Structure formats: structure tokens, C-alpha cells
Amino acid sequence: MNKINWNFNNTYFNLPNIFRENIKPTPVKKPELVLFNKDLSSDLNLDFSKVSNKELSELFSGNSLPEGSNSIAQAYAGHQFGHFTMLGDGRAVLIGEHLSKDSKRYDIQFKGSGKTTFSRNGDGRAALGPMLREYIISEAMNGLRIQTTRSLAVVKTGEDVVRETSLPGAILTRVASSHIRVGTFQYIAARERKNELDILLNYVIDRHYPDIKNSKNKAIDLLINVMEKQINLVVNWMRVGFIHGVMNTDNMSISGETIDYGPCAFMDTYDPKTVFSSIDQMGRYAYCNQPVITKWNLSRFAECLIPFIDNDQDKAIELATKIINSFEKKYEEKWLNMMRNKLGLFGVDEKDKFLILDLLTWMHQKKADYTNTFCHLMNENINEDKDYEDKDFQSWKIRWNERLKNNNNIPEKYLKLMKTVNPLIIPRNHKVEEALEQAEKNNLKPITQLVEILKDPYTQRGNILDYQIPSNSDEKYQTFCGT
């Protein structure tokens, strides 16, 4: 496998045993390569040109591990829908950390690779559909220029997994800057051994935030940095109408990447209370609640850091609370600036917030398509929708056009700004489902076409209209976590 250019340097493997379980993937009967990401392999400086599909299938199923790998299951905990649970990689193994030619470090993880100590009552396996969904959505997020884990390959295992029905099994190769989560800190903090928490704190700073290595208060600076990353991430989710669906603390990455594409989906009709996940019956992770939950998760992260913020616990809590309470102001400022960009507005006007909220209110009342409304404002009309002839919308447009004239704004200038942040296409839920349905029938063409189209969602092309039109079904769309 040296011909592939693997360059493993496995630092997490060297942490104390409590952080992990040393375990190899469970071999599978008949691995078969389904999808392979050539662009990503090139970014990783990996060369698979001399490797046959059979060898790729063996590699990405875990049947054949590359030289230099050290496969482990990581330990972590998590607040799942608000309830604390000790967890861990119950169906995934991290085979190692690969260094690319520019010395960037990437976790290479197999998802669906068999039982581990953390599997509880699970089978450690994954079904093909959810793994293909993660491949599609994570690559779409990369195209949308949103921080994300990515997908290198999907392999069918040749074995069935039993969920509600019997389904074909699969393994996804996930690439991340790391798989360290808020839940990783919670797992170690729950053991109440400060030395272990200190090891994790310093490891994360070395790996992700080396600029604060010599800080006077590393814990405070880490909290501030992670909060900044998470605010940026969620503002971007809101920008494109993405709903994660399962924002448990174990699905919140310390690096600021979107991780774990379970019951995720994109909003068509604008409704801030949109929920797609079948398991989120109370709407805890609805579109509008994503910022609120981000703050809640960061509060759990802050709790883990208390012993390092100050020796006086009361003072440490006071300092952490002050940082967490700055969330709303920072989020609102970034959200407003993001929405200004979506509307092509330069500078700041105190009436901007009302202009933005009035548009969103109109969209909600008229059940307008979120993505396509901004396309309409960029003169990228998807189809002639009579809603945009509505007198309230026309009145709003007059106010918007007046605001556009500020700061020497001209159409070339504001349209250029709008086109950098407003996608023309998103992974429409019905198109994703169509592609997954065909894949179950061994027809991969719809998936490969969809992934290719989603690589460049901001550019108008002649073959994308079919991917821009919302579903005409009135049936409520539901997603499932796949475990």
C-alpha cells in the first residue's frame, strides 16, 4: 500500500488507554467499491492510480489495513436530546492520522466497521442508504464552502444489516481534521481526574489551536476559539437552510467542522420551525433552534473546562458564564452580516434588521422557497412564481432597492456579493431520495450526477434546472438517523 502515499502519524493513539480502545475493523464477506472520491484523494496527496477496484474494496472495507495505521475506537460521552450518556465509537474505527504534503493532519475513519466496546446493543454496522446520504451531503457542504468532514469512499460489505427491514450493509470512509467532540471532554471530565483532562486540553490546543499554546489562560482562550468556530459554522448552516437534525454534544466537533450527517436535510419552504428528523419529536433541533442549541452545547463544554479556568471555582464559573453570555451578541452580529451579504447590502444601517426580518416573515407567510427567493432577487428566476408578484413583496423590494443604493452600490457590485453566498442549488431532499432509491437498485448514475452538480452550487449552468425545482409533494418529509 506504500504506492498510495499513506503518511500516518498517529498522535491520538499515543494518548492514555482511557481515551480509546485498540480494535481492528471486523472483516466483511464480499466488499465492493460503490463510490470513490478522486478529488479528495488528490487533496490528501494519495495516489490510487495503480490500485485495482478489488484492492480499493479490501482497503476501504477494513479487510486490508494500510501500513502505518493503528486502528482505534474513540471514547466520548454526550448529551443526547438533553440527556447525558457515556458513549464512544460504537460502529466506527479511526485507522490513523494521515499527513498531506502540506503537513495538514486528517483523521481517516471507517464508519460501519463492526462492534467495539462502545457498541452497547448495536451491531456496529451501517446500512448503505445512510452512508450514501453522508457522502452526498458532506460533499455538498464542501461545495457550499461550509466547514465539514468529508467522504473518501463507500463500500458495500456483501452482508445485510437488520433495521426495520433487512438492508444492504456498507462502510463509509470519513475524513476529518479530527473526531474530537464536546462529548470527548465530557467523557474525560465525568471521570473527575484532572490530569486526564489536562492531557486532552493540551492535545487539542496543540492539534487545533497552537496559537494559544503560550496563553496565560489556555482554557478560556480555547472556549473563546471554539465558540467563534461554532458560531461561524451555524451561521453558515442558516445561510443555506441546512438542518443538522441531531445536535447532541457528541456531534459537535471541537475543530468547528460539521460532523455526523444522520437525519440532516435542507429546508425548501421557509419555516423556522422546520424539523425533518423522525426522532426529534419536540423540535429541539429545529432550524430556528440551532443557534440556541449551539450555545447550550458550548455551556456543557465550558463546564468541562472549569478546573482550568481558575482555582477558585466560583470565579471560574463567573468567567465562563461571561464568555457564554456573549454568544447572543456575537451570533446576531455575524448572522446580520451574513443576511446583509445574501441581500447584497454593504455597510450597516440600523434598519437592516427590520428589512431582513420582514422578508423572512413574508417568506414564512407565503411558504416561499428559501433558496429560490434569493435566486429571484439575483434575477436567477427558477420558474415564474406568482408569489413574487405579491404586493407586499413588491413593497418590500422597493425598500430593498432604496437600501441597495447606499455605499455607492451598483448592480455589478451587489450581485457579485450575493452570488458568493446564495447557492443556486442545494441537495433537494427529493433529489437525494431519488438518487438513494436508484442506488438500492444498483443504478449509481443519479448519485454520481448529483454529487458532480453539487460541487459547484454557485455557478449557473444549463443542466441544473431539474435540481433547483422544489418537490411538488405535500407529504411531510422525514429523515432517519440510520443506527
Protein backbone atom coordinates (compact mmCIF):
# COMPACT_ATOMS: atom_id res chain seq x y z
CA MET A 1 0.00 0.00 0.00
CA ASN A 2 3.06 2.33 0.09
CA LYS A 3 2.41 3.17 -3.58
CA ILE A 4 -0.67 5.07 -2.33
CA ASN A 5 1.47 7.60 -0.35
CA TRP A 6 -0.10 6.96 3.05
CA ASN A 7 1.74 9.07 5.62
CA PHE A 8 0.39 8.08 9.01
CA ASN A 9 1.38 9.91 12.18
CA ASN A 10 -0.99 8.68 14.86
CA THR A 11 -0.90 11.07 17.82
CA TYR A 12 -4.30 10.20 19.34
CA PHE A 13 -3.19 6.57 19.51
CA ASN A 14 -0.45 7.67 21.93
CA LEU A 15 -2.87 9.14 24.48
CA PRO A 16 -3.64 7.07 27.61
CA ASN A 17 -5.80 3.96 27.14
CA ILE A 18 -8.84 5.60 28.72
CA PHE A 19 -9.25 7.75 25.59
CA ARG A 20 -9.68 4.79 23.26
CA GLU A 21 -9.97 1.10 22.60
CA ASN A 22 -7.41 -0.57 20.34
CA ILE A 23 -9.50 -2.55 17.89
CA LYS A 24 -9.43 -3.57 14.25
CA PRO A 25 -12.39 -3.38 11.85
CA THR A 26 -14.42 -6.58 11.66
CA PRO A 27 -13.72 -8.22 8.27
CA VAL A 28 -16.63 -8.35 5.80
CA LYS A 29 -17.61 -11.11 3.41
CA LYS A 30 -17.68 -9.53 -0.01
CA PRO A 31 -16.59 -5.88 -0.18
CA GLU A 32 -17.49 -3.96 -3.30
CA LEU A 33 -16.50 -0.34 -4.03
CA VAL A 34 -19.55 1.84 -4.64
CA LEU A 35 -18.21 5.42 -4.60
CA PHE A 36 -14.69 6.80 -4.57
CA ASN A 37 -13.77 10.48 -4.22
CA LYS A 38 -10.89 11.21 -6.62
CA ASP A 39 -10.87 14.94 -5.85
CA LEU A 40 -10.49 14.35 -2.13
CA SER A 41 -7.82 11.69 -2.61
CA SER A 42 -5.85 14.25 -4.65
CA ASP A 43 -6.27 16.87 -1.87
CA LEU A 44 -4.90 14.30 0.58
CA ASN A 45 -1.92 13.62 -1.72
CA LEU A 46 -2.99 9.98 -2.06
CA ASP A 47 -2.39 8.14 -5.32
CA PHE A 48 -4.75 5.27 -6.06
CA SER A 49 -3.99 5.15 -9.79
CA LYS A 50 -2.10 1.84 -9.53
CA VAL A 51 -4.68 0.21 -7.25
CA SER A 52 -7.40 -2.07 -8.62
CA ASN A 53 -11.05 -1.76 -7.60
CA LYS A 54 -10.71 -5.07 -5.77
CA GLU A 55 -7.79 -3.69 -3.71
CA LEU A 56 -9.75 -0.48 -3.05
CA SER A 57 -12.71 -2.55 -1.87
CA GLU A 58 -10.47 -4.53 0.51
CA LEU A 59 -8.85 -1.33 1.80
CA PHE A 60 -12.00 0.76 2.36
CA SER A 61 -13.87 -2.13 3.99
CA GLY A 62 -11.09 -2.55 6.56
CA ASN A 63 -10.29 -6.07 5.34
CA SER A 64 -6.80 -4.85 4.46
CA LEU A 65 -5.26 -2.12 6.62
CA PRO A 66 -2.51 0.13 5.25
CA GLU A 67 0.99 0.13 6.68
CA GLY A 68 1.36 2.67 9.50
CA SER A 69 -2.27 2.57 10.56
CA ASN A 70 -3.25 1.98 14.21
CA SER A 71 -6.98 1.43 14.39
CA ILE A 72 -8.85 2.57 17.48
CA ALA A 73 -12.38 3.33 18.66
CA GLN A 74 -12.55 6.68 20.43
CA ALA A 75 -14.26 7.17 23.79
CA TYR A 76 -16.65 10.07 24.31
CA ALA A 77 -19.91 10.95 26.03
CA GLY A 78 -22.79 13.18 25.01
CA HIS A 79 -25.99 14.93 25.89
CA GLN A 80 -28.42 13.23 23.53
CA PHE A 81 -31.60 15.30 23.33
CA GLY A 82 -30.55 16.80 26.67
CA HIS A 83 -29.81 13.52 28.48
CA PHE A 84 -26.22 12.66 29.43
CA THR A 85 -24.91 9.28 28.26
CA MET A 86 -21.48 7.63 28.16
CA LEU A 87 -20.88 6.73 24.53
CA GLY A 88 -17.95 6.15 22.16
CA ASP A 89 -17.39 4.89 18.62
CA GLY A 90 -19.95 2.10 18.58
CA ARG A 91 -19.71 1.46 14.86
CA ALA A 92 -16.56 3.22 13.71
CA VAL A 93 -12.80 2.88 13.93
CA LEU A 94 -10.20 5.53 13.33
CA ILE A 95 -7.44 3.83 11.36
CA GLY A 96 -4.99 6.68 11.77
CA GLU A 97 -3.99 10.28 11.10
CA HIS A 98 -2.69 10.97 7.61
CA LEU A 99 -0.39 13.93 6.92
CA SER A 100 -0.81 15.51 3.49
CA LYS A 101 2.08 17.10 1.61
CA ASP A 102 1.38 20.49 3.25
CA SER A 103 1.54 18.74 6.67
CA LYS A 104 -2.20 19.06 7.30
CA ARG A 105 -3.43 16.31 9.59
CA TYR A 106 -6.52 14.29 8.70
CA ASP A 107 -8.31 11.53 10.61
CA ILE A 108 -9.19 8.56 8.39
CA GLN A 109 -12.18 6.76 9.88
CA PHE A 110 -14.25 3.76 8.80
CA LYS A 111 -17.91 4.14 9.73
CA GLY A 112 -19.94 0.92 9.92
CA SER A 113 -16.86 -1.23 10.55
CA GLY A 114 -18.19 -3.54 13.27
CA LYS A 115 -18.67 -3.87 17.01
CA THR A 116 -16.50 -2.15 19.60
CA THR A 117 -16.55 -1.88 23.39
CA PHE A 118 -18.86 1.12 22.93
CA SER A 119 -21.47 -0.60 20.73
CA ARG A 120 -23.85 -1.29 23.62
CA ASN A 121 -26.64 -3.31 21.98
CA GLY A 122 -25.78 -2.23 18.44
CA ASP A 123 -24.38 -4.40 15.67
CA GLY A 124 -21.61 -1.94 14.80
CA ARG A 125 -22.70 -1.90 11.18
CA ALA A 126 -24.25 0.67 8.85
CA ALA A 127 -26.75 0.43 6.01
CA LEU A 128 -25.91 1.54 2.50
CA GLY A 129 -28.54 4.31 2.30
CA PRO A 130 -27.33 6.41 5.27
CA MET A 131 -23.69 6.05 4.20
CA LEU A 132 -24.51 7.24 0.69
CA ARG A 133 -26.53 10.11 2.20
CA GLU A 134 -23.50 11.20 4.24
CA TYR A 135 -21.32 11.02 1.13
CA ILE A 136 -23.74 13.22 -0.84
CA ILE A 137 -24.42 15.80 1.88
CA SER A 138 -20.87 16.14 3.21
CA GLU A 139 -19.55 16.69 -0.31
CA ALA A 140 -22.38 19.17 -0.98
CA MET A 141 -21.42 21.08 2.17
CA ASN A 142 -17.84 21.23 0.95
CA GLY A 143 -19.11 22.67 -2.34
CA LEU A 144 -21.15 25.23 -0.37
CA ARG A 145 -17.88 26.28 1.33
CA ILE A 146 -19.03 25.21 4.79
CA GLN A 147 -16.61 23.55 7.23
CA THR A 148 -17.27 19.82 7.12
CA THR A 149 -15.95 16.31 7.43
CA ARG A 150 -15.70 14.70 4.01
CA SER A 151 -16.25 11.31 2.40
CA LEU A 152 -13.50 9.41 0.62
CA ALA A 153 -15.30 6.17 -0.25
CA VAL A 154 -18.33 3.97 0.25
CA VAL A 155 -18.01 0.19 0.08
CA LYS A 156 -20.82 -2.39 0.19
CA THR A 157 -19.99 -5.17 2.64
CA GLY A 158 -21.86 -8.02 0.95
CA GLU A 159 -23.73 -8.51 4.22
CA ASP A 160 -27.19 -7.37 5.30
CA VAL A 161 -27.94 -5.28 8.37
CA VAL A 162 -31.27 -5.54 10.14
CA ARG A 163 -33.10 -2.32 10.99
CA GLU A 164 -36.88 -2.14 10.46
CA THR A 165 -36.15 -4.37 7.48
CA SER A 166 -33.09 -6.16 6.11
CA LEU A 167 -30.83 -3.68 4.28
CA PRO A 168 -27.53 -3.92 2.37
CA GLY A 169 -24.57 -3.11 4.62
CA ALA A 170 -21.91 -0.52 3.83
CA ILE A 171 -18.83 1.22 5.22
CA LEU A 172 -18.07 4.92 4.72
CA THR A 173 -14.54 6.31 4.87
CA ARG A 174 -14.82 9.66 6.65
CA VAL A 175 -12.07 12.27 6.59
CA ALA A 176 -11.93 14.93 9.32
CA SER A 177 -9.44 17.37 10.78
CA SER A 178 -10.19 15.36 13.93
CA HIS A 179 -13.06 13.48 15.58
CA ILE A 180 -12.66 15.22 18.94
CA ARG A 181 -16.02 16.42 20.20
CA VAL A 182 -17.50 18.34 23.11
CA GLY A 183 -18.50 14.84 24.20
CA THR A 184 -14.84 13.80 24.33
CA PHE A 185 -14.27 16.44 27.01
CA GLN A 186 -17.46 15.36 28.79
CA TYR A 187 -16.30 11.73 28.88
CA ILE A 188 -12.97 12.64 30.49
CA ALA A 189 -14.48 15.29 32.80
CA ALA A 190 -17.01 12.73 34.11
CA ARG A 191 -14.07 10.63 35.39
CA GLU A 192 -13.06 13.56 37.64
CA ARG A 193 -9.34 13.09 37.05
CA LYS A 194 -7.82 16.47 36.36
CA ASN A 195 -4.60 15.06 34.93
CA GLU A 196 -6.52 13.25 32.14
CA LEU A 197 -8.47 16.40 31.33
CA ASP A 198 -5.21 18.35 31.25
CA ILE A 199 -3.80 15.87 28.69
CA LEU A 200 -6.87 16.34 26.47
CA LEU A 201 -6.84 20.12 26.82
CA ASN A 202 -3.21 20.39 25.76
CA TYR A 203 -3.61 17.83 22.99
CA VAL A 204 -6.50 19.78 21.43
CA ILE A 205 -4.61 23.06 21.67
CA ASP A 206 -1.51 21.52 20.06
CA ARG A 207 -3.57 20.00 17.28
CA HIS A 208 -6.17 22.66 16.52
CA TYR A 209 -5.29 25.93 18.26
CA PRO A 210 -1.47 26.17 18.50
CA ASP A 211 -1.70 30.00 18.56
CA ILE A 212 -2.91 29.85 22.19
CA LYS A 213 -0.27 27.38 23.35
CA ASN A 214 1.53 30.03 25.42
CA SER A 215 -1.60 31.81 26.57
CA LYS A 216 -1.92 32.91 30.20
CA ASN A 217 -5.26 31.10 30.42
CA LYS A 218 -5.46 28.35 27.81
CA ALA A 219 -8.88 27.09 28.92
CA ILE A 220 -10.53 30.48 28.49
CA ASP A 221 -8.90 31.05 25.13
CA LEU A 222 -9.90 27.57 23.96
CA LEU A 223 -13.52 28.24 24.95
CA ILE A 224 -13.48 31.57 23.07
CA ASN A 225 -11.93 29.96 19.98
CA VAL A 226 -14.33 27.01 19.88
CA MET A 227 -17.29 29.36 20.36
CA GLU A 228 -16.10 31.52 17.46
CA LYS A 229 -15.77 28.44 15.21
CA GLN A 230 -19.20 27.12 16.16
CA ILE A 231 -20.91 30.48 15.62
CA ASN A 232 -19.32 30.74 12.16
CA LEU A 233 -20.43 27.19 11.38
CA VAL A 234 -24.05 27.58 12.43
CA VAL A 235 -24.39 30.97 10.72
CA ASN A 236 -23.36 29.17 7.53
CA TRP A 237 -25.91 26.41 8.16
CA MET A 238 -28.59 29.10 8.49
CA ARG A 239 -27.32 30.78 5.32
CA VAL A 240 -28.14 27.76 3.14
CA GLY A 241 -31.15 26.38 5.05
CA PHE A 242 -29.31 23.33 6.42
CA ILE A 243 -30.81 21.47 9.38
CA HIS A 244 -28.39 19.12 11.14
CA GLY A 245 -31.13 17.25 12.95
CA VAL A 246 -29.12 15.73 15.79
CA MET A 247 -27.04 18.42 17.50
CA ASN A 248 -26.11 16.31 20.51
CA THR A 249 -22.86 17.28 22.23
CA ASP A 250 -21.20 14.15 20.82
CA ASN A 251 -21.93 15.54 17.33
CA MET A 252 -20.28 18.89 17.99
CA SER A 253 -16.70 18.96 16.75
CA ILE A 254 -14.04 20.93 18.60
CA SER A 255 -12.46 21.81 15.24
CA GLY A 256 -15.63 23.58 14.04
CA GLU A 257 -16.50 21.09 11.27
CA THR A 258 -19.98 19.77 10.54
CA ILE A 259 -19.89 16.15 11.68
CA ASP A 260 -22.29 13.21 11.57
CA TYR A 261 -24.81 13.55 8.76
CA GLY A 262 -27.59 11.44 10.22
CA PRO A 263 -31.13 12.81 9.91
CA CYS A 264 -29.94 16.01 8.21
CA ALA A 265 -31.76 17.77 5.37
CA PHE A 266 -32.15 21.13 3.62
CA MET A 267 -35.18 23.36 4.00
CA ASP A 268 -37.25 24.09 0.88
CA THR A 269 -40.25 26.11 2.07
CA TYR A 270 -39.11 28.70 4.59
CA ASP A 271 -40.37 27.81 8.05
CA PRO A 272 -38.12 28.49 11.03
CA LYS A 273 -39.66 25.58 12.93
CA THR A 274 -38.77 23.04 10.24
CA VAL A 275 -37.79 19.61 11.61
CA PHE A 276 -37.01 16.60 9.42
CA SER A 277 -35.66 14.10 11.94
CA SER A 278 -38.09 11.33 12.88
CA ILE A 279 -36.60 11.17 16.37
CA ASP A 280 -36.82 14.93 17.10
CA GLN A 281 -40.48 14.95 18.04
CA MET A 282 -40.27 18.06 20.24
CA GLY A 283 -38.38 20.17 17.69
CA ARG A 284 -35.32 20.57 19.91
CA TYR A 285 -33.08 20.72 16.82
CA ALA A 286 -35.42 22.66 14.51
CA TYR A 287 -33.88 25.15 12.07
CA CYS A 288 -34.56 28.16 14.33
CA ASN A 289 -33.23 26.37 17.43
CA GLN A 290 -29.78 25.60 16.02
CA PRO A 291 -28.14 28.77 17.47
CA VAL A 292 -29.82 28.20 20.85
CA ILE A 293 -28.60 24.60 20.99
CA THR A 294 -25.11 25.67 19.95
CA LYS A 295 -24.97 27.95 22.98
CA TRP A 296 -26.35 25.15 25.19
CA ASN A 297 -23.68 22.74 23.92
CA LEU A 298 -20.95 25.33 24.46
CA SER A 299 -22.17 25.71 28.05
CA ARG A 300 -21.57 21.97 28.54
CA PHE A 301 -18.09 22.41 27.06
CA ALA A 302 -17.40 25.32 29.45
CA GLU A 303 -18.39 23.14 32.41
CA CYS A 304 -15.64 20.68 31.49
CA LEU A 305 -13.03 23.45 31.48
CA ILE A 306 -13.91 24.95 34.89
CA PRO A 307 -10.96 23.30 36.76
CA PHE A 308 -8.51 25.05 34.39
CA ILE A 309 -10.15 28.47 34.20
CA ASP A 310 -9.41 29.40 37.81
CA ASN A 311 -8.50 27.61 41.06
CA ASP A 312 -11.41 29.43 42.70
CA GLN A 313 -14.42 27.55 41.35
CA ASP A 314 -16.84 30.45 41.85
CA LYS A 315 -14.55 32.78 39.94
CA ALA A 316 -14.06 30.16 37.19
CA ILE A 317 -17.84 29.80 36.79
CA GLU A 318 -18.23 33.58 36.67
CA LEU A 319 -15.57 33.91 33.93
CA ALA A 320 -17.01 31.03 31.89
CA THR A 321 -20.56 32.38 32.23
CA LYS A 322 -19.45 35.78 30.99
CA ILE A 323 -17.98 34.20 27.84
CA ILE A 324 -21.03 32.02 27.20
CA ASN A 325 -23.35 35.01 27.71
CA SER A 326 -21.52 36.88 24.95
CA PHE A 327 -22.82 34.28 22.49
CA GLU A 328 -26.09 36.04 21.53
CA LYS A 329 -24.45 39.35 20.65
CA LYS A 330 -21.68 37.68 18.62
CA TYR A 331 -24.11 35.37 16.86
CA GLU A 332 -26.57 38.12 15.99
CA GLU A 333 -23.82 40.33 14.58
CA LYS A 334 -22.49 37.52 12.37
CA TRP A 335 -25.99 36.44 11.36
CA LEU A 336 -26.94 40.01 10.39
CA ASN A 337 -23.77 40.40 8.33
CA MET A 338 -24.45 37.05 6.64
CA MET A 339 -28.01 38.16 5.78
CA ARG A 340 -26.70 41.52 4.52
CA ASN A 341 -24.43 39.58 2.18
CA LYS A 342 -27.36 37.46 0.98
CA LEU A 343 -29.19 40.68 0.12
CA GLY A 344 -26.13 42.40 -1.40
CA LEU A 345 -26.03 45.11 1.26
CA PHE A 346 -22.79 46.96 2.02
CA GLY A 347 -22.15 48.85 5.23
CA VAL A 348 -24.51 48.97 8.21
CA ASP A 349 -27.91 50.60 8.51
CA GLU A 350 -29.90 50.42 11.74
CA LYS A 351 -33.00 49.45 9.72
CA ASP A 352 -31.29 46.40 8.14
CA LYS A 353 -32.59 44.03 10.79
CA PHE A 354 -36.20 45.04 10.06
CA LEU A 355 -35.64 44.74 6.31
CA ILE A 356 -34.28 41.21 6.77
CA LEU A 357 -36.94 40.07 9.24
CA ASP A 358 -39.74 41.47 7.08
CA LEU A 359 -38.50 39.41 4.12
CA LEU A 360 -38.29 36.24 6.25
CA THR A 361 -41.78 36.91 7.67
CA TRP A 362 -43.18 37.28 4.15
CA MET A 363 -41.42 34.08 3.06
CA HIS A 364 -42.89 32.23 6.03
CA GLN A 365 -46.42 33.54 5.42
CA LYS A 366 -46.31 32.79 1.69
CA LYS A 367 -44.49 29.45 2.13
CA ALA A 368 -41.87 30.68 -0.31
CA ASP A 369 -38.86 28.57 -1.21
CA TYR A 370 -35.87 29.78 0.84
CA THR A 371 -33.12 29.15 -1.72
CA ASN A 372 -35.11 30.24 -4.75
CA THR A 373 -36.28 33.52 -3.19
CA PHE A 374 -32.68 34.70 -3.07
CA CYS A 375 -32.17 33.37 -6.60
CA HIS A 376 -35.14 35.53 -7.66
CA LEU A 377 -33.53 38.58 -6.04
CA MET A 378 -30.37 37.87 -8.07
CA ASN A 379 -32.52 37.74 -11.25
CA GLU A 380 -31.91 33.97 -11.44
CA ASN A 381 -35.55 33.01 -11.86
CA ILE A 382 -36.06 29.27 -11.49
CA ASN A 383 -39.67 29.29 -12.60
CA GLU A 384 -42.23 32.06 -12.77
CA ASP A 385 -43.79 32.07 -9.31
CA LYS A 386 -46.80 34.36 -8.84
CA ASP A 387 -45.85 34.80 -5.16
CA TYR A 388 -43.17 37.25 -6.25
CA GLU A 389 -45.88 39.45 -7.86
CA ASP A 390 -47.48 39.80 -4.41
CA LYS A 391 -47.97 43.48 -3.44
CA ASP A 392 -46.33 43.01 -0.03
CA PHE A 393 -43.26 41.52 -1.67
CA GLN A 394 -43.17 44.32 -4.23
CA SER A 395 -43.39 46.90 -1.42
CA TRP A 396 -40.54 45.16 0.35
CA LYS A 397 -38.48 45.22 -2.86
CA ILE A 398 -38.88 49.00 -3.10
CA ARG A 399 -37.37 49.34 0.41
CA TRP A 400 -34.61 46.86 -0.51
CA ASN A 401 -33.76 48.76 -3.71
CA GLU A 402 -33.53 52.00 -1.74
CA ARG A 403 -31.16 50.37 0.75
CA LEU A 404 -29.05 48.93 -2.10
CA LYS A 405 -28.19 52.47 -3.24
CA ASN A 406 -26.14 53.11 -0.06
CA ASN A 407 -22.32 52.90 -0.09
CA ASN A 408 -22.05 53.58 -3.85
CA ASN A 409 -23.64 50.22 -4.53
CA ILE A 410 -24.29 49.27 -8.14
CA PRO A 411 -25.84 46.09 -9.60
CA GLU A 412 -22.45 44.63 -10.63
CA LYS A 413 -21.20 45.10 -7.09
CA TYR A 414 -24.17 43.79 -5.11
CA LEU A 415 -24.89 40.89 -7.47
CA LYS A 416 -21.27 39.77 -7.21
CA LEU A 417 -21.59 39.71 -3.41
CA MET A 418 -24.94 37.89 -3.49
CA LYS A 419 -23.64 35.25 -5.88
CA THR A 420 -20.83 34.29 -3.49
CA VAL A 421 -23.24 33.36 -0.66
CA ASN A 422 -26.55 32.37 -2.26
CA PRO A 423 -26.39 28.91 -3.83
CA LEU A 424 -28.36 28.26 -6.98
CA ILE A 425 -28.68 24.62 -5.98
CA ILE A 426 -28.79 22.68 -2.73
CA PRO A 427 -29.22 18.92 -2.19
CA ARG A 428 -33.00 18.98 -2.62
CA ASN A 429 -34.44 16.28 -0.39
CA HIS A 430 -36.48 14.63 -3.14
CA LYS A 431 -33.45 14.51 -5.46
CA VAL A 432 -31.36 12.91 -2.71
CA GLU A 433 -34.09 10.33 -2.09
CA GLU A 434 -34.41 9.59 -5.82
CA ALA A 435 -30.66 9.00 -6.06
CA LEU A 436 -30.62 6.75 -2.98
CA GLU A 437 -33.58 4.76 -4.30
CA GLN A 438 -31.78 4.13 -7.58
CA ALA A 439 -28.57 3.17 -5.76
CA GLU A 440 -30.50 0.46 -3.91
CA LYS A 441 -31.27 -0.91 -7.40
CA ASN A 442 -27.55 -0.80 -8.32
CA ASN A 443 -28.01 2.28 -10.53
CA LEU A 444 -25.36 4.75 -9.35
CA LYS A 445 -25.72 7.25 -12.18
CA PRO A 446 -28.18 9.59 -10.34
CA ILE A 447 -25.85 9.76 -7.32
CA THR A 448 -22.72 10.48 -9.35
CA GLN A 449 -24.61 13.14 -11.34
CA LEU A 450 -25.97 14.73 -8.15
CA VAL A 451 -22.55 14.80 -6.46
CA GLU A 452 -20.98 16.31 -9.59
CA ILE A 453 -23.65 19.05 -9.86
CA LEU A 454 -23.30 19.90 -6.14
CA LYS A 455 -19.56 20.51 -6.43
CA ASP A 456 -20.23 23.99 -7.81
CA PRO A 457 -23.54 25.25 -6.41
CA TYR A 458 -22.93 28.95 -7.08
CA THR A 459 -22.47 28.81 -10.87
CA GLN A 460 -25.30 28.93 -13.39
CA ARG A 461 -25.17 26.12 -15.93
CA GLY A 462 -27.58 24.77 -18.49
CA ASN A 463 -28.16 21.38 -16.84
CA ILE A 464 -29.20 22.34 -13.31
CA LEU A 465 -32.86 23.41 -13.59
CA ASP A 466 -34.14 19.98 -12.58
CA TYR A 467 -32.07 20.24 -9.37
CA GLN A 468 -33.47 23.69 -8.50
CA ILE A 469 -37.19 22.96 -8.51
CA PRO A 470 -38.65 22.04 -5.09
CA SER A 471 -40.63 18.88 -4.61
CA ASN A 472 -44.30 19.16 -5.57
CA SER A 473 -45.29 16.59 -2.96
CA ASP A 474 -47.37 17.74 0.02
CA GLU A 475 -46.19 14.77 2.05
CA LYS A 476 -44.13 15.72 5.12
CA TYR A 477 -40.51 14.75 4.51
CA GLN A 478 -38.83 12.71 7.26
CA THR A 479 -35.26 11.59 7.75
CA PHE A 480 -33.86 8.80 9.93
CA CYS A 481 -30.56 8.52 11.76
CA GLY A 482 -29.68 5.12 10.28
CA THR A 483 -28.49 3.46 13.51
